């Protein structure tokens, strides 16, 4: 993987992360409108699934950023 591929992957994952976040916040607003309190929202299955998806995207983004930073550090060390 070269730097451009990694950056493209990070951009795609961030887009997915944002989409997941928007859907999760929409779900939260809908549940609150239905009269659920904060604990009820947290225990909702759909909300939990969206939160888990968002955490997964976060892990993947951090992993690619770590790889990118290591590549950049190695490149600077060579110069």
PDB file of N, CA and C in Angstrom:
ATOM      1  N   UNK A   1       0.840  -1.180   0.000  1.00  0.00           N
ATOM      2  CA  UNK A   1       0.000   0.000   0.000  1.00  0.00           C
ATOM      3  C   UNK A   1       0.887   1.246   0.000  1.00  0.00           C
ATOM      4  N   UNK A   2       0.645   2.092  -0.943  1.00  0.00           N
ATOM      5  CA  UNK A   2       1.387   3.347  -0.936  1.00  0.00           C
ATOM      6  C   UNK A   2       0.564   4.419  -0.216  1.00  0.00           C
ATOM      7  N   UNK A   3       1.159   5.584  -0.063  1.00  0.00           N
ATOM      8  CA  UNK A   3       0.532   6.645   0.723  1.00  0.00           C
ATOM      9  C   UNK A   3      -0.808   7.091   0.141  1.00  0.00           C
ATOM     10  N   UNK A   4      -0.897   7.164  -1.183  1.00  0.00           N
ATOM     11  CA  UNK A   4      -2.148   7.602  -1.805  1.00  0.00           C
ATOM     12  C   UNK A   4      -3.278   6.611  -1.546  1.00  0.00           C
ATOM     13  N   UNK A   5      -2.957   5.308  -1.606  1.00  0.00           N
ATOM     14  CA  UNK A   5      -3.971   4.287  -1.333  1.00  0.00           C
ATOM     15  C   UNK A   5      -4.471   4.386   0.108  1.00  0.00           C
ATOM     16  N   UNK A   6      -3.532   4.596   1.016  1.00  0.00           N
ATOM     17  CA  UNK A   6      -3.906   4.698   2.427  1.00  0.00           C
ATOM     18  C   UNK A   6      -4.794   5.923   2.653  1.00  0.00           C
ATOM     19  N   UNK A   7      -4.410   7.051   2.063  1.00  0.00           N
ATOM     20  CA  UNK A   7      -5.215   8.271   2.214  1.00  0.00           C
ATOM     21  C   UNK A   7      -6.613   8.099   1.621  1.00  0.00           C
ATOM     22  N   UNK A   8      -6.700   7.406   0.487  1.00  0.00           N
ATOM     23  CA  UNK A   8      -8.010   7.148  -0.122  1.00  0.00           C
ATOM     24  C   UNK A   8      -8.844   6.241   0.779  1.00  0.00           C
ATOM     25  N   UNK A   9      -8.200   5.240   1.376  1.00  0.00           N
ATOM     26  CA  UNK A   9      -8.900   4.350   2.294  1.00  0.00           C
ATOM     27  C   UNK A   9      -9.413   5.086   3.518  1.00  0.00           C
ATOM     28  N   UNK A  10      -8.578   5.971   4.057  1.00  0.00           N
ATOM     29  CA  UNK A  10      -8.986   6.758   5.220  1.00  0.00           C
ATOM     30  C   UNK A  10     -10.173   7.650   4.863  1.00  0.00           C
ATOM     31  N   UNK A  11     -10.113   8.279   3.696  1.00  0.00           N
ATOM     32  CA  UNK A  11     -11.215   9.154   3.275  1.00  0.00           C
ATOM     33  C   UNK A  11     -12.516   8.363   3.130  1.00  0.00           C
ATOM     34  N   UNK A  12     -12.432   7.168   2.553  1.00  0.00           N
ATOM     35  CA  UNK A  12     -13.629   6.340   2.389  1.00  0.00           C
ATOM     36  C   UNK A  12     -14.189   5.916   3.747  1.00  0.00           C
ATOM     37  N   UNK A  13     -13.298   5.537   4.667  1.00  0.00           N
ATOM     38  CA  UNK A  13     -13.749   5.129   5.993  1.00  0.00           C
ATOM     39  C   UNK A  13     -14.362   6.306   6.753  1.00  0.00           C
ATOM     40  N   UNK A  14     -13.776   7.479   6.608  1.00  0.00           N
ATOM     41  CA  UNK A  14     -14.336   8.656   7.284  1.00  0.00           C
ATOM     42  C   UNK A  14     -15.730   8.972   6.752  1.00  0.00           C
ATOM     43  N   UNK A  15     -15.924   8.774   5.465  1.00  0.00           N
ATOM     44  CA  UNK A  15     -17.246   8.984   4.881  1.00  0.00           C
ATOM     45  C   UNK A  15     -18.246   8.002   5.490  1.00  0.00           C
ATOM     46  N   UNK A  16     -17.844   6.741   5.607  1.00  0.00           N
ATOM     47  CA  UNK A  16     -18.700   5.742   6.238  1.00  0.00           C
ATOM     48  C   UNK A  16     -18.961   6.061   7.700  1.00  0.00           C
ATOM     49  N   UNK A  17     -17.930   6.557   8.389  1.00  0.00           N
ATOM     50  CA  UNK A  17     -18.064   6.926   9.795  1.00  0.00           C
ATOM     51  C   UNK A  17     -19.089   8.044   9.952  1.00  0.00           C
ATOM     52  N   UNK A  18     -18.989   9.054   9.082  1.00  0.00           N
ATOM     53  CA  UNK A  18     -19.928  10.184   9.138  1.00  0.00           C
ATOM     54  C   UNK A  18     -21.362   9.725   8.865  1.00  0.00           C
ATOM     55  N   UNK A  19     -21.510   8.837   7.884  1.00  0.00           N
ATOM     56  CA  UNK A  19     -22.837   8.315   7.551  1.00  0.00           C
ATOM     57  C   UNK A  19     -23.414   7.556   8.741  1.00  0.00           C
ATOM     58  N   UNK A  20     -22.582   6.720   9.355  1.00  0.00           N
ATOM     59  CA  UNK A  20     -23.016   5.957  10.516  1.00  0.00           C
ATOM     60  C   UNK A  20     -23.394   6.887  11.668  1.00  0.00           C
ATOM     61  N   UNK A  21     -22.604   7.932  11.863  1.00  0.00           N
ATOM     62  CA  UNK A  21     -22.884   8.903  12.925  1.00  0.00           C
ATOM     63  C   UNK A  21     -24.201   9.620  12.669  1.00  0.00           C
ATOM     64  N   UNK A  22     -24.425  10.041  11.438  1.00  0.00           N
ATOM     65  CA  UNK A  22     -25.673  10.729  11.106  1.00  0.00           C
ATOM     66  C   UNK A  22     -26.880   9.831  11.351  1.00  0.00           C
ATOM     67  N   UNK A  23     -26.772   8.559  10.939  1.00  0.00           N
ATOM     68  CA  UNK A  23     -27.888   7.632  11.148  1.00  0.00           C
ATOM     69  C   UNK A  23     -28.116   7.385  12.635  1.00  0.00           C
ATOM     70  N   UNK A  24     -27.020   7.273  13.417  1.00  0.00           N
ATOM     71  CA  UNK A  24     -27.140   7.042  14.857  1.00  0.00           C
ATOM     72  C   UNK A  24     -27.804   8.236  15.546  1.00  0.00           C
ATOM     73  N   UNK A  25     -27.388   9.442  15.190  1.00  0.00           N
ATOM     74  CA  UNK A  25     -27.980  10.630  15.803  1.00  0.00           C
ATOM     75  C   UNK A  25     -29.445  10.804  15.396  1.00  0.00           C
ATOM     76  N   UNK A  26     -29.773  10.444  14.143  1.00  0.00           N
ATOM     77  CA  UNK A  26     -31.167  10.491  13.706  1.00  0.00           C
ATOM     78  C   UNK A  26     -31.998   9.503  14.522  1.00  0.00           C
ATOM     79  N   UNK A  27     -31.459   8.300  14.703  1.00  0.00           N
ATOM     80  CA  UNK A  27     -32.146   7.273  15.489  1.00  0.00           C
ATOM     81  C   UNK A  27     -32.356   7.769  16.923  1.00  0.00           C
ATOM     82  N   UNK A  28     -31.332   8.414  17.476  1.00  0.00           N
ATOM     83  CA  UNK A  28     -31.423   8.938  18.840  1.00  0.00           C
ATOM     84  C   UNK A  28     -32.521   9.998  18.950  1.00  0.00           C
ATOM     85  N   UNK A  29     -32.588  10.892  17.965  1.00  0.00           N
ATOM     86  CA  UNK A  29     -33.632  11.924  17.974  1.00  0.00           C
ATOM     87  C   UNK A  29     -35.022  11.299  17.865  1.00  0.00           C
ATOM     88  N   UNK A  30     -35.147  10.291  17.002  1.00  0.00           N
ATOM     89  CA  UNK A  30     -36.443   9.626  16.831  1.00  0.00           C
ATOM     90  C   UNK A  30     -36.879   8.941  18.124  1.00  0.00           C
ATOM     91  N   UNK A  31     -35.946   8.261  18.782  1.00  0.00           N
ATOM     92  CA  UNK A  31     -36.285   7.575  20.027  1.00  0.00           C
ATOM     93  C   UNK A  31     -36.649   8.578  21.120  1.00  0.00           C
ATOM     94  N   UNK A  32     -35.930   9.694  21.163  1.00  0.00           N
ATOM     95  CA  UNK A  32     -36.246  10.733  22.150  1.00  0.00           C
ATOM     96  C   UNK A  32     -37.628  11.319  21.865  1.00  0.00           C
ATOM     97  N   UNK A  33     -37.968  11.471  20.595  1.00  0.00           N
ATOM     98  CA  UNK A  33     -39.283  11.997  20.224  1.00  0.00           C
ATOM     99  C   UNK A  33     -40.393  11.023  20.623  1.00  0.00           C
ATOM    100  N   UNK A  34     -40.068   9.733  20.671  1.00  0.00           N
ATOM    101  CA  UNK A  34     -41.043   8.729  21.087  1.00  0.00           C
ATOM    102  C   UNK A  34     -41.203   8.693  22.606  1.00  0.00           C
ATOM    103  N   UNK A  35     -40.369   9.461  23.311  1.00  0.00           N
ATOM    104  CA  UNK A  35     -40.495   9.544  24.760  1.00  0.00           C
ATOM    105  C   UNK A  35     -39.513   8.692  25.533  1.00  0.00           C
ATOM    106  N   UNK A  36     -38.534   8.107  24.868  1.00  0.00           N
ATOM    107  CA  UNK A  36     -37.551   7.296  25.587  1.00  0.00           C
ATOM    108  C   UNK A  36     -36.531   8.208  26.262  1.00  0.00           C
ATOM    109  N   UNK A  37     -36.122   7.810  27.470  1.00  0.00           N
ATOM    110  CA  UNK A  37     -35.084   8.576  28.152  1.00  0.00           C
ATOM    111  C   UNK A  37     -33.711   8.119  27.653  1.00  0.00           C
ATOM    112  N   UNK A  38     -32.644   8.691  28.210  1.00  0.00           N
ATOM    113  CA  UNK A  38     -31.289   8.398  27.740  1.00  0.00           C
ATOM    114  C   UNK A  38     -30.952   6.914  27.890  1.00  0.00           C
ATOM    115  N   UNK A  39     -31.360   6.310  28.994  1.00  0.00           N
ATOM    116  CA  UNK A  39     -31.084   4.890  29.202  1.00  0.00           C
ATOM    117  C   UNK A  39     -31.853   4.040  28.192  1.00  0.00           C
ATOM    118  N   UNK A  40     -33.067   4.425  27.907  1.00  0.00           N
ATOM    119  CA  UNK A  40     -33.866   3.702  26.921  1.00  0.00           C
ATOM    120  C   UNK A  40     -33.272   3.785  25.535  1.00  0.00           C
ATOM    121  N   UNK A  41     -32.713   4.936  25.207  1.00  0.00           N
ATOM    122  CA  UNK A  41     -32.059   5.109  23.905  1.00  0.00           C
ATOM    123  C   UNK A  41     -30.835   4.207  23.826  1.00  0.00           C
ATOM    124  N   UNK A  42     -30.035   4.209  24.902  1.00  0.00           N
ATOM    125  CA  UNK A  42     -28.804   3.401  24.895  1.00  0.00           C
ATOM    126  C   UNK A  42     -29.094   1.908  24.779  1.00  0.00           C
ATOM    127  N   UNK A  43     -30.224   1.475  25.281  1.00  0.00           N
ATOM    128  CA  UNK A  43     -30.552   0.051  25.248  1.00  0.00           C
ATOM    129  C   UNK A  43     -31.313  -0.370  23.991  1.00  0.00           C
ATOM    130  N   UNK A  44     -31.596   0.555  23.118  1.00  0.00           N
ATOM    131  CA  UNK A  44     -32.290   0.237  21.868  1.00  0.00           C
ATOM    132  C   UNK A  44     -31.350  -0.542  20.947  1.00  0.00           C
ATOM    133  N   UNK A  45     -31.849  -1.596  20.330  1.00  0.00           N
ATOM    134  CA  UNK A  45     -31.025  -2.461  19.488  1.00  0.00           C
ATOM    135  C   UNK A  45     -30.435  -1.769  18.274  1.00  0.00           C
ATOM    136  N   UNK A  46     -31.242  -0.990  17.584  1.00  0.00           N
ATOM    137  CA  UNK A  46     -30.764  -0.289  16.387  1.00  0.00           C
ATOM    138  C   UNK A  46     -29.694   0.736  16.756  1.00  0.00           C
ATOM    139  N   UNK A  47     -29.916   1.464  17.835  1.00  0.00           N
ATOM    140  CA  UNK A  47     -28.943   2.467  18.286  1.00  0.00           C
ATOM    141  C   UNK A  47     -27.617   1.793  18.650  1.00  0.00           C
ATOM    142  N   UNK A  48     -27.707   0.657  19.354  1.00  0.00           N
ATOM    143  CA  UNK A  48     -26.493  -0.084  19.729  1.00  0.00           C
ATOM    144  C   UNK A  48     -25.734  -0.551  18.494  1.00  0.00           C
ATOM    145  N   UNK A  49     -26.467  -1.050  17.502  1.00  0.00           N
ATOM    146  CA  UNK A  49     -25.825  -1.541  16.281  1.00  0.00           C
ATOM    147  C   UNK A  49     -25.102  -0.411  15.559  1.00  0.00           C
ATOM    148  N   UNK A  50     -25.743   0.745  15.476  1.00  0.00           N
ATOM    149  CA  UNK A  50     -25.118   1.884  14.803  1.00  0.00           C
ATOM    150  C   UNK A  50     -23.894   2.380  15.569  1.00  0.00           C
ATOM    151  N   UNK A  51     -23.967   2.363  16.884  1.00  0.00           N
ATOM    152  CA  UNK A  51     -22.825   2.791  17.697  1.00  0.00           C
ATOM    153  C   UNK A  51     -21.654   1.822  17.525  1.00  0.00           C
ATOM    154  N   UNK A  52     -21.971   0.539  17.460  1.00  0.00           N
ATOM    155  CA  UNK A  52     -20.936  -0.474  17.253  1.00  0.00           C
ATOM    156  C   UNK A  52     -20.286  -0.300  15.879  1.00  0.00           C
ATOM    157  N   UNK A  53     -21.088  -0.029  14.868  1.00  0.00           N
ATOM    158  CA  UNK A  53     -20.565   0.204  13.522  1.00  0.00           C
ATOM    159  C   UNK A  53     -19.638   1.411  13.513  1.00  0.00           C
ATOM    160  N   UNK A  54     -20.036   2.460  14.207  1.00  0.00           N
ATOM    161  CA  UNK A  54     -19.212   3.668  14.251  1.00  0.00           C
ATOM    162  C   UNK A  54     -17.885   3.387  14.965  1.00  0.00           C
ATOM    163  N   UNK A  55     -17.915   2.627  16.044  1.00  0.00           N
ATOM    164  CA  UNK A  55     -16.665   2.272  16.741  1.00  0.00           C
ATOM    165  C   UNK A  55     -15.760   1.450  15.837  1.00  0.00           C
ATOM    166  N   UNK A  56     -16.351   0.567  15.040  1.00  0.00           N
ATOM    167  CA  UNK A  56     -15.568  -0.256  14.119  1.00  0.00           C
ATOM    168  C   UNK A  56     -14.864   0.618  13.079  1.00  0.00           C
ATOM    169  N   UNK A  57     -15.593   1.578  12.521  1.00  0.00           N
ATOM    170  CA  UNK A  57     -14.976   2.512  11.572  1.00  0.00           C
ATOM    171  C   UNK A  57     -13.818   3.260  12.234  1.00  0.00           C
ATOM    172  N   UNK A  58     -14.013   3.676  13.484  1.00  0.00           N
ATOM    173  CA  UNK A  58     -12.975   4.408  14.207  1.00  0.00           C
ATOM    174  C   UNK A  58     -11.711   3.568  14.328  1.00  0.00           C
ATOM    175  N   UNK A  59     -11.871   2.299  14.655  1.00  0.00           N
ATOM    176  CA  UNK A  59     -10.713   1.412  14.782  1.00  0.00           C
ATOM    177  C   UNK A  59      -9.985   1.264  13.456  1.00  0.00           C
ATOM    178  N   UNK A  60     -10.739   1.096  12.381  1.00  0.00           N
ATOM    179  CA  UNK A  60     -10.115   0.940  11.069  1.00  0.00           C
ATOM    180  C   UNK A  60      -9.381   2.210  10.642  1.00  0.00           C
ATOM    181  N   UNK A  61      -9.976   3.358  10.917  1.00  0.00           N
ATOM    182  CA  UNK A  61      -9.335   4.633  10.572  1.00  0.00           C
ATOM    183  C   UNK A  61      -8.036   4.783  11.353  1.00  0.00           C
ATOM    184  N   UNK A  62      -8.083   4.519  12.652  1.00  0.00           N
ATOM    185  CA  UNK A  62      -6.867   4.640  13.470  1.00  0.00           C
ATOM    186  C   UNK A  62      -5.784   3.692  12.988  1.00  0.00           C
ATOM    187  N   UNK A  63      -6.167   2.491  12.595  1.00  0.00           N
ATOM    188  CA  UNK A  63      -5.193   1.516  12.104  1.00  0.00           C
ATOM    189  C   UNK A  63      -4.500   2.035  10.846  1.00  0.00           C
ATOM    190  N   UNK A  64      -5.282   2.545   9.887  1.00  0.00           N
ATOM    191  CA  UNK A  64      -4.681   3.069   8.661  1.00  0.00           C
ATOM    192  C   UNK A  64      -3.828   4.308   8.939  1.00  0.00           C
ATOM    193  N   UNK A  65      -4.266   5.148   9.862  1.00  0.00           N
ATOM    194  CA  UNK A  65      -3.468   6.331  10.201  1.00  0.00           C
ATOM    195  C   UNK A  65      -2.142   5.924  10.836  1.00  0.00           C
ATOM    196  N   UNK A  66      -2.161   4.884  11.654  1.00  0.00           N
ATOM    197  CA  UNK A  66      -0.931   4.383  12.269  1.00  0.00           C
ATOM    198  C   UNK A  66       0.028   3.868  11.204  1.00  0.00           C
ATOM    199  N   UNK A  67      -0.502   3.119  10.248  1.00  0.00           N
ATOM    200  CA  UNK A  67       0.326   2.606   9.152  1.00  0.00           C
ATOM    201  C   UNK A  67       0.918   3.763   8.360  1.00  0.00           C
ATOM    202  N   UNK A  68       0.102   4.753   8.061  1.00  0.00           N
ATOM    203  CA  UNK A  68       0.562   5.919   7.299  1.00  0.00           C
ATOM    204  C   UNK A  68       1.661   6.665   8.052  1.00  0.00           C
ATOM    205  N   UNK A  69       1.472   6.871   9.348  1.00  0.00           N
ATOM    206  CA  UNK A  69       2.475   7.583  10.138  1.00  0.00           C
ATOM    207  C   UNK A  69       3.785   6.805  10.213  1.00  0.00           C
ATOM    208  N   UNK A  70       3.707   5.493  10.306  1.00  0.00           N
ATOM    209  CA  UNK A  70       4.934   4.679  10.320  1.00  0.00           C
ATOM    210  C   UNK A  70       5.667   4.789   8.995  1.00  0.00           C
ATOM    211  N   UNK A  71       4.924   4.741   7.897  1.00  0.00           N
ATOM    212  CA  UNK A  71       5.548   4.881   6.577  1.00  0.00           C
ATOM    213  C   UNK A  71       6.232   6.236   6.451  1.00  0.00           C
ATOM    214  N   UNK A  72       5.562   7.277   6.889  1.00  0.00           N
ATOM    215  CA  UNK A  72       6.139   8.621   6.803  1.00  0.00           C
ATOM    216  C   UNK A  72       7.378   8.745   7.688  1.00  0.00           C
ATOM    217  N   UNK A  73       7.338   8.161   8.874  1.00  0.00           N
ATOM    218  CA  UNK A  73       8.485   8.227   9.779  1.00  0.00           C
ATOM    219  C   UNK A  73       9.682   7.480   9.186  1.00  0.00           C
ATOM    220  N   UNK A  74       9.432   6.330   8.579  1.00  0.00           N
ATOM    221  CA  UNK A  74      10.523   5.576   7.937  1.00  0.00           C
ATOM    222  C   UNK A  74      11.106   6.360   6.780  1.00  0.00           C
ATOM    223  N   UNK A  75      10.238   7.016   6.030  1.00  0.00           N
ATOM    224  CA  UNK A  75      10.699   7.802   4.883  1.00  0.00           C
ATOM    225  C   UNK A  75      11.564   8.976   5.351  1.00  0.00           C
ATOM    226  N   UNK A  76      11.160   9.646   6.428  1.00  0.00           N
ATOM    227  CA  UNK A  76      11.938  10.761   6.957  1.00  0.00           C
ATOM    228  C   UNK A  76      13.266  10.283   7.522  1.00  0.00           C
ATOM    229  N   UNK A  77      13.263   9.089   8.111  1.00  0.00           N
ATOM    230  CA  UNK A  77      14.480   8.545   8.703  1.00  0.00           C
ATOM    231  C   UNK A  77      15.525   8.264   7.625  1.00  0.00           C
ATOM    232  N   UNK A  78      15.085   7.829   6.452  1.00  0.00           N
ATOM    233  CA  UNK A  78      15.997   7.526   5.346  1.00  0.00           C
ATOM    234  C   UNK A  78      16.669   8.783   4.815  1.00  0.00           C
ATOM    235  N   UNK A  79      15.963   9.894   4.841  1.00  0.00           N
ATOM    236  CA  UNK A  79      16.508  11.142   4.280  1.00  0.00           C
ATOM    237  C   UNK A  79      17.534  11.779   5.147  1.00  0.00           C
TER     238      UNK A  79
END
